[in-house]
Protein backbone atom coordinates (compact mmCIF):
# COMPACT_ATOMS: atom_id res chain seq x y z
CA MET A 1 21.91 88.78 -17.54
CA ALA A 2 22.83 86.19 -14.83
CA LEU A 3 22.73 83.33 -15.56
CA ILE A 4 22.64 80.09 -13.78
CA GLU A 5 24.00 76.10 -14.44
CA CYS A 6 22.19 73.48 -12.73
CA VAL A 7 23.31 69.95 -12.86
CA PRO A 8 21.29 68.01 -10.69
CA ASN A 9 22.66 63.64 -11.29
CA VAL A 10 19.34 61.73 -10.22
CA SER A 11 19.35 58.16 -9.37
CA GLU A 12 17.72 56.98 -11.83
CA GLY A 13 19.40 55.97 -15.68
CA GLN A 14 17.21 52.50 -17.06
CA ASN A 15 13.52 53.19 -16.93
CA PRO A 16 12.98 56.38 -20.01
CA GLU A 17 9.18 57.23 -19.19
CA ILE A 18 11.09 58.59 -15.43
CA ILE A 19 13.83 60.40 -17.53
CA ASN A 20 11.41 61.42 -19.90
CA ALA A 21 9.13 62.97 -16.70
CA LEU A 22 12.07 64.42 -15.28
CA ALA A 23 13.20 66.16 -18.32
CA GLU A 24 9.30 67.31 -18.60
CA ALA A 25 8.97 69.37 -15.01
CA ILE A 26 12.34 70.63 -15.45
CA GLN A 27 10.92 72.71 -19.08
CA SER A 28 7.87 73.42 -17.36
CA VAL A 29 9.21 76.67 -15.85
CA GLN A 30 9.64 79.39 -18.31
CA ASP A 31 13.38 81.00 -19.00
CA VAL A 32 15.08 77.35 -18.29
CA LYS A 33 16.71 75.83 -21.16
CA LEU A 34 17.76 72.03 -20.77
CA LEU A 35 21.06 71.60 -22.99
CA HIS A 36 21.97 68.32 -22.01
CA ILE A 37 20.95 64.31 -20.61
CA ASP A 38 23.02 62.01 -20.25
CA SER A 39 22.09 57.99 -18.35
CA GLY A 40 23.50 55.46 -17.43
CA TYR A 41 21.98 52.44 -17.23
CA ALA A 42 24.42 50.26 -14.80
CA ALA A 43 25.12 52.80 -12.84
CA ASN A 44 21.51 54.04 -12.14
CA ARG A 45 21.79 57.56 -12.77
CA THR A 46 21.18 61.06 -14.31
CA VAL A 47 23.18 64.41 -15.18
CA PHE A 48 20.49 66.84 -16.07
CA THR A 49 21.97 70.48 -17.23
CA PHE A 50 20.40 73.40 -17.34
CA VAL A 51 20.56 77.07 -17.51
CA GLY A 52 19.12 79.90 -16.53
CA ASN A 53 18.26 83.29 -14.45
CA PRO A 54 17.94 82.48 -10.61
CA ASP A 55 14.86 82.60 -10.30
CA SER A 56 13.84 80.53 -12.82
CA ILE A 57 16.58 78.41 -12.29
CA ALA A 58 15.93 77.49 -8.29
CA GLU A 59 11.74 77.10 -9.59
CA ALA A 60 12.74 73.82 -12.06
CA ALA A 61 15.82 72.31 -9.47
CA PHE A 62 12.47 72.63 -6.96
CA ALA A 63 10.23 70.52 -10.10
CA LEU A 64 12.37 68.29 -10.43
CA TYR A 65 12.43 67.41 -6.77
CA ALA A 66 8.53 67.60 -6.70
CA LYS A 67 8.81 64.85 -9.45
CA SER A 68 11.44 62.64 -8.44
CA LEU A 69 9.95 62.08 -4.82
CA GLU A 70 6.86 61.15 -7.01
CA LEU A 71 9.02 58.33 -8.87
CA ILE A 72 12.00 57.27 -7.56
CA ASP A 73 11.19 55.06 -4.53
CA MET A 74 15.32 54.46 -3.51
CA ARG A 75 14.67 51.26 -1.19
CA LYS A 76 14.32 49.36 -5.00
CA HIS A 77 17.68 51.17 -6.15
CA LYS A 78 20.58 49.53 -7.54
CA GLY A 79 23.63 50.82 -9.27
CA THR A 80 27.17 51.56 -9.60
CA HIS A 81 27.15 54.72 -8.69
CA PRO A 82 27.82 56.50 -4.69
CA ARG A 83 24.80 57.96 -4.17
CA LEU A 84 22.32 59.05 -1.47
CA GLY A 85 19.05 60.11 -2.35
CA ALA A 86 17.28 60.29 -5.35
CA VAL A 87 18.16 63.71 -6.28
CA ASP A 88 21.44 63.10 -5.02
CA VAL A 89 23.29 65.91 -5.53
CA CYS A 90 22.36 69.37 -6.94
CA PRO A 91 24.99 71.96 -8.21
CA PHE A 92 24.37 75.42 -8.75
CA ILE A 93 27.03 77.21 -10.87
CA PRO A 94 27.72 80.48 -11.73
CA LEU A 95 28.05 81.41 -15.00
CA SER A 96 27.75 85.07 -15.75
CA GLY A 97 26.17 88.21 -14.09
CA ILE A 98 26.35 86.47 -10.55
CA SER A 99 28.36 85.76 -7.92
CA ILE A 100 29.34 82.88 -5.51
CA ASN A 101 27.98 84.06 -2.30
CA HIS A 102 24.45 84.99 -4.59
CA THR A 103 24.61 81.45 -5.72
CA ILE A 104 25.08 80.07 -2.35
CA ASP A 105 21.67 81.81 -1.36
CA ILE A 106 20.45 79.76 -3.82
CA GLY A 107 20.74 76.26 -2.71
CA VAL A 108 20.06 77.36 0.83
CA ARG A 109 16.73 78.32 -0.02
CA LEU A 110 15.85 75.73 -1.97
CA ALA A 111 16.71 73.90 0.59
CA HIS A 112 14.19 75.55 3.70
CA ARG A 113 11.88 75.13 0.41
CA LEU A 114 12.12 71.42 -0.21
CA HIS A 115 11.63 70.95 3.67
CA GLY A 116 8.87 73.33 3.84
CA GLU A 117 6.70 71.86 0.88
CA LEU A 118 8.00 67.93 0.33
CA GLY A 119 10.20 66.91 3.68
CA ILE A 120 12.99 66.54 1.96
CA SER A 121 16.06 66.88 3.86
CA THR A 122 19.65 68.29 2.41
CA TYR A 123 23.37 67.95 3.14
CA TYR A 124 25.22 71.34 2.10
CA TYR A 125 28.87 70.76 0.51
CA ALA A 126 31.33 72.58 -1.98
CA ALA A 127 30.44 76.60 -0.98
CA ASN A 128 27.65 75.89 0.79
CA ALA A 129 29.23 73.68 3.09
CA LEU A 130 29.38 74.06 7.01
CA SER A 131 32.29 72.58 7.65
CA MET A 132 35.55 71.54 6.15
CA GLU A 133 34.16 67.87 6.03
CA LYS A 134 31.52 68.92 3.79
CA GLN A 135 33.29 70.70 1.12
CA SER A 136 33.34 67.48 -0.04
CA LEU A 137 30.78 64.70 -1.49
CA ALA A 138 32.70 62.23 -0.58
CA TYR A 139 32.28 62.33 2.58
CA ILE A 140 28.71 63.40 2.71
CA ARG A 141 28.42 60.02 0.61
CA LYS A 142 30.20 57.90 2.62
CA GLY A 143 28.35 54.45 3.90
CA GLU A 144 25.92 55.46 1.05
CA TYR A 145 22.58 55.07 1.00
CA GLU A 146 22.11 51.78 2.77
CA SER A 147 23.66 53.28 6.11
CA ILE A 148 21.09 56.37 6.21
CA ALA A 149 19.83 55.41 9.20
CA SER A 150 22.84 54.90 11.02
CA LYS A 151 24.08 58.15 9.22
CA VAL A 152 21.94 61.01 10.34
CA LYS A 153 22.40 59.88 14.25
CA GLU A 154 26.35 60.77 13.11
CA GLU A 155 26.07 62.95 11.14
CA PRO A 156 22.36 65.33 11.14
CA VAL A 157 21.24 66.76 8.27
CA ASP A 158 22.06 70.38 7.85
CA MET A 159 17.98 71.33 5.91
CA GLY A 160 15.03 69.01 7.18
CA ASP A 161 13.37 66.74 10.10
CA LEU A 162 13.82 63.00 7.98
CA GLU A 163 9.95 62.82 6.71
CA ASN A 164 11.21 60.87 3.37
CA LEU A 165 14.66 59.50 4.87
CA GLU A 166 13.25 55.73 3.70
CA LYS A 167 11.68 56.93 -0.07
CA PHE A 168 13.98 59.39 -1.61
CA GLY A 169 16.82 59.23 1.33
CA ILE A 170 19.25 62.75 1.07
CA THR A 171 19.95 65.35 -1.36
CA THR A 172 23.40 67.37 -1.29
CA ILE A 173 23.46 70.87 -3.04
CA GLY A 174 26.11 73.11 -2.61
CA ALA A 175 27.24 76.38 -4.99
CA ARG A 176 30.28 75.25 -6.69
CA ARG A 177 32.45 76.12 -9.99
CA LEU A 178 31.96 74.62 -12.61
CA MET A 179 33.29 70.87 -12.96
CA VAL A 180 33.93 68.16 -15.59
CA ALA A 181 32.76 65.07 -15.16
CA PHE A 182 34.75 62.58 -17.55
CA ASN A 183 35.95 58.77 -17.77
CA LEU A 184 38.74 57.28 -19.43
CA ASN A 185 39.03 54.09 -20.68
CA LEU A 186 41.74 51.13 -19.87
CA GLU A 187 42.56 48.23 -22.45
CA THR A 188 42.89 46.08 -19.75
CA LYS A 189 40.12 44.51 -17.79
CA ASP A 190 41.66 44.43 -14.00
CA VAL A 191 39.41 47.64 -11.86
CA PHE A 192 42.58 47.42 -9.37
CA ILE A 193 45.03 49.09 -12.06
CA ALA A 194 42.42 51.67 -12.41
CA LYS A 195 42.06 52.20 -8.95
CA LYS A 196 45.72 52.82 -8.62
CA ILE A 197 45.70 55.59 -11.59
CA ALA A 198 42.96 57.09 -9.79
CA GLY A 199 45.08 57.33 -6.65
CA VAL A 200 48.51 58.73 -8.41
CA ILE A 201 46.13 61.07 -10.56
CA ARG A 202 43.50 62.13 -7.59
CA GLU A 203 44.55 65.38 -5.14
CA SER A 204 44.29 63.82 -2.31
CA GLY A 205 46.56 61.38 -3.71
CA THR A 206 46.02 57.70 -1.08
CA LYS A 207 47.34 57.01 2.34
CA ASN A 208 50.38 55.22 1.68
CA SER A 209 51.76 57.73 -1.08
CA GLY A 210 50.39 61.32 0.09
CA ALA A 211 49.01 64.12 -2.35
CA GLY A 212 48.41 62.82 -6.20
CA LEU A 213 49.68 64.01 -9.18
CA LEU A 214 46.93 66.66 -9.77
CA LYS A 215 45.48 69.57 -8.00
CA GLY A 216 41.44 69.89 -9.02
CA VAL A 217 40.98 66.10 -9.39
CA LYS A 218 39.05 63.50 -8.37
CA SER A 219 38.97 60.20 -9.46
CA ILE A 220 37.95 56.49 -7.82
CA GLY A 221 38.58 53.29 -10.57
CA TRP A 222 35.53 51.22 -11.92
CA TYR A 223 34.10 48.99 -13.91
CA ILE A 224 31.44 49.29 -15.98
CA LYS A 225 29.18 46.56 -17.24
CA ASP A 226 27.02 49.06 -19.65
CA PHE A 227 30.12 49.41 -22.06
CA ASP A 228 32.40 46.42 -20.44
CA LYS A 229 34.89 49.06 -19.93
CA VAL A 230 37.33 49.26 -16.79
CA GLN A 231 37.35 53.41 -16.28
CA VAL A 232 38.91 55.64 -14.40
CA SER A 233 36.29 58.34 -13.50
CA CYS A 234 37.63 61.46 -12.76
CA ASN A 235 35.91 64.60 -11.46
CA LEU A 236 37.50 67.43 -12.69
CA TYR A 237 36.70 70.64 -10.12
CA ASN A 238 39.24 73.41 -10.96
CA LEU A 239 39.68 73.19 -15.16
CA GLU A 240 42.30 76.33 -14.43
CA GLN A 241 44.66 73.81 -12.78
CA ASN A 242 43.70 70.32 -14.64
CA GLY A 243 41.72 69.91 -17.46
CA LEU A 244 40.84 67.02 -20.15
CA LEU A 245 44.29 67.50 -21.52
CA GLU A 246 46.40 67.60 -18.03
CA VAL A 247 44.11 64.19 -17.36
CA TYR A 248 44.70 62.46 -20.31
CA LEU A 249 48.25 63.17 -20.61
CA ALA A 250 48.48 61.79 -16.48
CA ALA A 251 46.32 58.64 -16.84
CA GLU A 252 48.17 58.33 -20.22
CA SER A 253 51.42 57.89 -18.62
CA GLU A 254 51.13 55.75 -15.38
CA ALA A 255 49.26 53.21 -17.89
CA LYS A 256 51.98 52.69 -19.23
CA LYS A 257 54.21 51.77 -16.54
CA LEU A 258 51.48 49.55 -15.18
CA GLY A 259 51.26 47.68 -18.70
CA THR A 260 47.98 48.83 -20.48
CA THR A 261 46.64 51.96 -22.42
CA VAL A 262 44.38 54.62 -22.08
CA THR A 263 41.88 53.75 -25.43
CA GLY A 264 39.66 56.68 -25.38
CA THR A 265 37.67 59.02 -22.85
CA GLU A 266 33.91 59.67 -22.36
CA LEU A 267 32.82 63.29 -21.48
CA ILE A 268 29.58 63.56 -19.16
CA GLY A 269 27.52 65.79 -19.70
CA LEU A 270 29.09 69.40 -20.96
CA ALA A 271 32.48 70.73 -20.94
CA PRO A 272 33.36 74.97 -21.69
CA LEU A 273 35.04 75.39 -25.18
CA SER A 274 38.08 76.85 -23.74
CA GLU A 275 38.83 72.58 -22.64
CA PHE A 276 38.72 72.03 -26.41
CA THR A 277 41.50 74.57 -27.61
CA LYS A 278 43.69 73.81 -25.35
CA ALA A 279 43.56 69.59 -26.65
CA GLY A 280 43.40 70.88 -29.99
CA ARG A 281 46.51 72.72 -30.01
CA HIS A 282 48.48 69.72 -27.87
CA PHE A 283 46.92 67.60 -31.04
CA ALA A 284 46.94 69.78 -33.73
CA SER A 285 49.15 66.78 -36.05
CA LEU A 286 46.22 64.75 -35.63
CA HIS A 287 43.48 66.04 -37.71
CA LYS A 288 42.44 69.92 -39.55
CA GLY A 289 40.80 71.96 -36.57
CA GLU A 290 41.13 72.44 -32.79
CA ILE A 291 38.04 70.64 -31.80
CA GLU A 292 38.34 68.20 -34.91
CA ALA A 293 41.64 67.23 -32.93
CA ALA A 294 40.76 67.35 -29.61
CA ILE A 295 37.85 65.22 -30.29
CA GLN A 296 40.28 62.44 -31.73
CA GLY A 297 43.32 63.00 -29.46
CA LEU A 298 41.63 62.45 -26.52
CA GLY A 299 39.51 59.24 -28.32
CA LEU A 300 36.36 60.84 -27.20
CA ASN A 301 34.47 59.57 -29.80
CA GLU A 302 35.23 55.90 -28.28
CA ILE A 303 31.70 54.65 -26.87
CA GLU A 304 29.54 56.95 -28.42
CA ASN A 305 30.09 59.74 -31.53
CA PHE A 306 30.76 62.55 -30.09
CA ASP A 307 28.96 65.53 -31.60
CA PRO A 308 30.86 68.57 -30.58
CA LYS A 309 26.94 70.91 -30.77
CA LYS A 310 25.46 69.16 -28.14
CA ARG A 311 28.99 68.91 -25.65
CA ILE A 312 30.24 72.07 -25.63
CA ILE A 313 28.21 74.38 -23.39
CA GLU A 314 29.20 77.90 -25.34
CA TYR A 315 27.65 75.29 -28.79
CA LEU A 316 24.67 75.58 -26.97
CA LEU A 317 24.06 78.71 -25.97
């Protein structure tokens, strides 16, 4: 059976009633399983993770968009996370029984339906991108929602007629590989140090130093008021190249050079079992059992209790 994961990032992380209504919209579709909800108050952002067959996953995504258009007004939105629309990004990830090319088609059909039925405009990214630059979310989000009126003149949308531009903004849709969002907490309160570490470890590096240490990694440094933590926030988009363990070890090494330490980490959403078994083997001396060793070694309990039954994809499925 074809199985697809959808991980929309929605620009609402502060109002529980709206978050619950969005979750109910997803769950209203038969044959869809909502695996996880991850909300950040300061980021004002919620990540939903759900799985299903191609038809049901597309229907659930559309239901989420419809409810988001009804309940979220981007003219009032403030948050620390970069964003361009009410449903800021909606990636589709092939898990089994379906190719990336067929997954691309799901995103295209959804964008057409959003335009036709809801008046929502779309940029395509990742495998759906119509140019090399648009493969990158950072490129698409440049200037964020506040610059959207001028942005569409320089970078026309890929689908839509800007009908709900002010209220909803623009969404970004694309098929991609499984990606993990992983934040590393630093002992320091100096955001500059986090930004410097991010520049060293991410694949793109910095303008001054060139390419960074880790392929398949994007990262930024920021301060999160929710936890009073300075973090190196990473997206790991090619786990075969670099995963949780590699990012942790690289960040830890760079932090020590700058006179600080990694005190713990935060996983946003879910991650595959293989990432925990790999890390667990590295930290095996810390605790009995690979999974517990990975949790302790990576410091995943620092911000809140980490329950592997609720955070590892294979356990949920």
